[in-house]
Amino acid sequence: MIYIPSLGYSFHLSNDKNKKNSSKASAKSNLSGTTSNSNNAIQNAAGLSKCDNHNCRKYDDREYDIEIIRGSNSIVNEVRKLYKDEFEEARIEYNIKQIRDDRKIKDYFTHVSNNTKKDLACEIIIELGDMEFWNTKDMDYKKKMTNVFEEQVKSLEELVPDFKIASAIIHYDETSPHLHIIGVPIKVKNKYGMSKQVGKSDVFTKESLTKIQDRMRIRCIESFNK
């Protein structure tokens, strides 16, 4: 058994404030510890479709190089289903209170997708180890990370219960195995609009992210050592 407590860990949360090339490069290369520097946000249905194509490897027909541990090979369908399951009751309740038809929400998924101030979903990318570490490991060794990433998904649900996970997919076709998680952060008991809404800034604050990343890193190392 190999114990490497200092093995680099990265936890990237999608963020629309980091669109510059320098930000994206830093997010991809920083494996010295936990980080909140992030990839681009999933702001609408078009962005979600891009994630679907990339995470499920539909653009090059290399789906055999990935492992789906939550959801299916259609992230768009999984997120749509999550929206229906989580928000439909609140949408109906909200519409009943509206006198004017133009204020009613016909479909909350589409409503959020068309709202430039909200993100339709969030992506979290988790990676343990860097290129130097994984270059010397064969595929059988890499595939042992499936158990580690499965525990990461469970840990994230435990630590952040208001982040509902629609998809979790492992990529084994690059040097370092890494996990793509797509989910929707939810806030409840809202005074305005629907009582239950998408709430990224409420669920993921700067302070909460730091705590989440630190705990997720500790659990990931423990799972890896186990």
Protein backbone atom coordinates (compact mmCIF):
# COMPACT_ATOMS: atom_id res chain seq x y z
CA MET A 1 0.00 0.00 0.00
CA ILE A 2 1.32 3.46 -0.90
CA TYR A 3 0.70 6.36 1.50
CA ILE A 4 1.16 9.80 -0.05
CA PRO A 5 -0.44 12.39 2.28
CA SER A 6 1.01 15.31 0.29
CA LEU A 7 -0.30 14.19 -3.09
CA GLY A 8 -1.65 17.20 -4.98
CA TYR A 9 -5.42 17.67 -5.02
CA SER A 10 -7.52 20.07 -7.08
CA PHE A 11 -11.18 21.00 -6.71
CA HIS A 12 -12.40 23.41 -9.40
CA LEU A 13 -15.86 24.98 -9.26
CA SER A 14 -17.13 26.52 -12.50
CA ASN A 15 -17.15 30.31 -12.33
CA ASP A 16 -18.14 32.89 -14.95
CA LYS A 17 -15.58 35.34 -13.52
CA ASN A 18 -12.63 33.27 -14.75
CA LYS A 19 -12.94 33.35 -18.52
CA LYS A 20 -9.49 34.68 -19.33
CA ASN A 21 -6.96 32.25 -20.79
CA SER A 22 -4.61 32.89 -17.87
CA SER A 23 -7.32 31.90 -15.39
CA LYS A 24 -8.16 28.73 -17.27
CA ALA A 25 -4.49 27.80 -17.56
CA SER A 26 -3.97 28.32 -13.85
CA ALA A 27 -7.02 26.24 -13.00
CA LYS A 28 -5.72 23.36 -15.10
CA SER A 29 -2.16 23.39 -13.80
CA ASN A 30 -2.49 24.14 -10.10
CA LEU A 31 -2.17 20.80 -8.32
CA SER A 32 -0.23 21.91 -5.27
CA GLY A 33 -3.28 21.95 -3.03
CA THR A 34 -6.93 22.93 -2.87
CA THR A 35 -8.00 25.79 -5.11
CA SER A 36 -11.11 27.77 -6.01
CA ASN A 37 -9.68 29.00 -9.31
CA SER A 38 -12.11 27.63 -11.82
CA ASN A 39 -13.24 26.77 -15.29
CA ASN A 40 -16.12 28.52 -17.06
CA ALA A 41 -19.63 28.44 -15.69
CA ILE A 42 -22.58 26.58 -17.21
CA GLN A 43 -24.79 29.60 -17.77
CA ASN A 44 -27.37 28.21 -20.19
CA ALA A 45 -28.59 25.22 -22.21
CA ALA A 46 -25.92 25.76 -24.86
CA GLY A 47 -23.18 25.60 -22.23
CA LEU A 48 -24.73 22.47 -20.76
CA SER A 49 -24.74 20.82 -24.20
CA LYS A 50 -21.04 21.57 -24.56
CA CYS A 51 -20.39 19.86 -21.21
CA ASP A 52 -22.51 16.93 -22.37
CA ASN A 53 -20.40 16.52 -25.51
CA HIS A 54 -17.11 16.92 -23.66
CA ASN A 55 -17.78 14.93 -20.49
CA CYS A 56 -19.48 12.06 -22.34
CA ARG A 57 -16.85 12.17 -25.10
CA LYS A 58 -19.53 12.35 -27.81
CA TYR A 59 -17.44 14.52 -30.11
CA ASP A 60 -14.88 11.79 -30.85
CA ASP A 61 -16.82 8.58 -30.07
CA ARG A 62 -14.42 7.63 -27.27
CA GLU A 63 -17.05 6.83 -24.68
CA TYR A 64 -15.18 3.67 -23.73
CA ASP A 65 -12.49 5.83 -22.07
CA ILE A 66 -14.90 7.24 -19.49
CA GLU A 67 -16.77 5.78 -16.54
CA ILE A 68 -20.20 7.09 -15.55
CA ILE A 69 -20.72 6.74 -11.81
CA ARG A 70 -23.82 8.93 -11.56
CA GLY A 71 -26.47 9.66 -14.17
CA SER A 72 -26.39 8.57 -17.80
CA ASN A 73 -24.70 9.45 -21.09
CA SER A 74 -27.07 12.42 -21.49
CA ILE A 75 -26.18 15.15 -19.02
CA VAL A 76 -28.77 17.47 -20.55
CA ASN A 77 -31.55 14.98 -19.83
CA GLU A 78 -30.27 14.37 -16.31
CA VAL A 79 -30.23 18.09 -15.48
CA ARG A 80 -33.68 18.59 -17.02
CA LYS A 81 -35.00 15.74 -14.89
CA LEU A 82 -33.36 17.23 -11.80
CA TYR A 83 -35.04 20.58 -12.50
CA LYS A 84 -38.41 18.88 -12.84
CA ASP A 85 -37.95 16.86 -9.64
CA GLU A 86 -36.63 19.75 -7.54
CA PHE A 87 -38.49 22.82 -8.79
CA GLU A 88 -41.82 21.77 -10.32
CA GLU A 89 -43.81 22.00 -7.11
CA ALA A 90 -42.42 25.48 -6.38
CA ARG A 91 -43.09 26.57 -9.98
CA ILE A 92 -46.75 25.52 -9.81
CA GLU A 93 -47.15 27.17 -6.42
CA TYR A 94 -45.65 30.41 -7.77
CA ASN A 95 -47.83 30.43 -10.89
CA ILE A 96 -51.03 30.03 -8.88
CA LYS A 97 -50.27 33.33 -7.15
CA GLN A 98 -49.73 35.22 -10.42
CA ILE A 99 -52.64 37.24 -11.83
CA ARG A 100 -50.88 38.08 -15.10
CA ASP A 101 -50.06 35.23 -17.46
CA ASP A 102 -46.86 36.93 -18.65
CA ARG A 103 -45.40 36.57 -15.15
CA LYS A 104 -45.98 32.84 -14.99
CA ILE A 105 -43.05 30.47 -15.48
CA LYS A 106 -43.81 27.79 -18.06
CA ASP A 107 -40.58 25.84 -17.66
CA TYR A 108 -38.02 26.66 -14.95
CA PHE A 109 -35.13 25.04 -16.83
CA THR A 110 -35.74 27.35 -19.80
CA HIS A 111 -36.45 30.28 -17.50
CA VAL A 112 -33.04 30.00 -15.82
CA SER A 113 -31.27 29.27 -19.11
CA ASN A 114 -32.56 32.58 -20.48
CA ASN A 115 -31.58 34.51 -17.35
CA THR A 116 -28.09 35.97 -17.83
CA LYS A 117 -27.76 36.61 -14.09
CA LYS A 118 -28.06 32.95 -13.12
CA ASP A 119 -26.07 29.79 -13.89
CA LEU A 120 -28.13 26.86 -15.13
CA ALA A 121 -25.81 24.35 -13.45
CA CYS A 122 -22.37 24.07 -11.89
CA GLU A 123 -19.45 21.85 -12.79
CA ILE A 124 -16.90 20.64 -10.28
CA ILE A 125 -13.71 18.97 -11.50
CA ILE A 126 -11.75 16.87 -9.03
CA GLU A 127 -8.26 15.54 -9.62
CA LEU A 128 -5.74 13.79 -7.40
CA GLY A 129 -2.07 13.70 -8.39
CA ASP A 130 -0.31 15.34 -11.32
CA MET A 131 1.12 14.21 -14.64
CA GLU A 132 4.45 13.24 -13.08
CA PHE A 133 2.74 10.90 -10.63
CA TRP A 134 0.36 9.24 -13.11
CA ASN A 135 2.88 8.88 -15.96
CA THR A 136 4.35 5.83 -14.24
CA LYS A 137 1.02 4.10 -13.53
CA ASP A 138 -0.76 1.64 -15.81
CA MET A 139 -4.49 1.66 -16.54
CA ASP A 140 -5.29 -1.02 -13.95
CA TYR A 141 -3.76 1.17 -11.27
CA LYS A 142 -5.59 4.25 -12.56
CA LYS A 143 -8.93 2.44 -12.56
CA LYS A 144 -8.62 1.98 -8.80
CA MET A 145 -9.51 5.68 -8.63
CA THR A 146 -13.12 4.73 -9.40
CA ASN A 147 -13.67 3.82 -5.76
CA VAL A 148 -11.98 7.03 -4.63
CA PHE A 149 -14.14 9.20 -6.89
CA GLU A 150 -17.32 7.36 -5.89
CA GLU A 151 -16.54 8.25 -2.28
CA GLN A 152 -15.86 11.84 -3.34
CA VAL A 153 -19.36 12.09 -4.80
CA LYS A 154 -20.86 10.76 -1.56
CA SER A 155 -18.71 13.12 0.50
CA LEU A 156 -19.79 16.12 -1.57
CA GLU A 157 -23.46 15.22 -1.11
CA GLU A 158 -22.89 14.90 2.62
CA LEU A 159 -20.96 18.16 2.96
CA VAL A 160 -23.18 20.17 0.60
CA PRO A 161 -26.71 18.73 0.74
CA ASP A 162 -28.11 21.72 -1.16
CA PHE A 163 -25.98 20.82 -4.20
CA LYS A 164 -27.97 18.23 -6.13
CA ILE A 165 -25.78 16.06 -8.38
CA ALA A 166 -27.11 15.12 -11.81
CA SER A 167 -23.96 13.62 -13.35
CA ALA A 168 -20.57 12.30 -12.28
CA ILE A 169 -18.18 11.03 -14.94
CA ILE A 170 -14.55 9.90 -14.68
CA HIS A 171 -12.14 10.54 -17.54
CA TYR A 172 -9.43 7.91 -17.95
CA ASP A 173 -8.35 8.94 -21.45
CA GLU A 174 -5.93 11.63 -20.28
CA THR A 175 -2.73 11.33 -18.25
CA SER A 176 -4.39 12.05 -14.90
CA PRO A 177 -7.73 10.45 -13.99
CA HIS A 178 -10.20 13.18 -13.06
CA LEU A 179 -13.85 13.50 -12.15
CA HIS A 180 -16.45 15.81 -13.72
CA ILE A 181 -19.47 16.51 -11.51
CA ILE A 182 -22.48 18.43 -12.84
CA GLY A 183 -25.11 19.59 -10.38
CA VAL A 184 -27.51 22.32 -9.35
CA PRO A 185 -27.16 24.38 -6.13
CA ILE A 186 -30.53 25.09 -4.52
CA LYS A 187 -31.75 27.74 -2.10
CA VAL A 188 -35.12 27.49 -0.34
CA LYS A 189 -37.59 29.72 1.56
CA ASN A 190 -37.11 32.62 -0.84
CA LYS A 191 -39.20 35.73 -0.16
CA TYR A 192 -39.33 36.77 -3.81
CA GLY A 193 -40.13 34.63 -6.84
CA MET A 194 -40.37 30.88 -6.45
CA SER A 195 -39.92 29.58 -2.91
CA LYS A 196 -37.27 27.17 -4.22
CA GLN A 197 -34.69 28.45 -6.72
CA VAL A 198 -31.24 27.96 -8.18
CA GLY A 199 -28.80 29.55 -5.74
CA LYS A 200 -25.13 29.19 -6.58
CA SER A 201 -23.94 32.25 -4.66
CA ASP A 202 -25.90 31.14 -1.59
CA VAL A 203 -24.60 27.57 -1.56
CA PHE A 204 -21.01 28.26 -2.66
CA THR A 205 -19.56 31.25 -0.87
CA LYS A 206 -15.85 32.01 -0.59
CA GLU A 207 -15.87 30.81 3.01
CA SER A 208 -17.88 27.65 2.38
CA LEU A 209 -15.75 26.72 -0.63
CA THR A 210 -12.58 26.85 1.44
CA LYS A 211 -14.08 24.51 4.04
CA ILE A 212 -15.52 22.17 1.40
CA GLN A 213 -12.23 21.94 -0.50
CA ASP A 214 -10.21 21.26 2.64
CA ARG A 215 -12.55 18.50 3.82
CA MET A 216 -12.87 16.96 0.37
CA ARG A 217 -9.08 16.88 0.00
CA ILE A 218 -8.63 15.11 3.36
CA ARG A 219 -11.29 12.54 2.47
CA CYS A 220 -9.82 11.99 -0.99
CA ILE A 221 -6.36 11.27 0.43
CA GLU A 222 -7.88 8.92 3.01
CA SER A 223 -9.79 7.07 0.28
CA PHE A 224 -6.68 6.83 -1.87
CA ASN A 225 -4.58 5.44 0.99
CA LYS A 226 -7.33 2.96 1.88
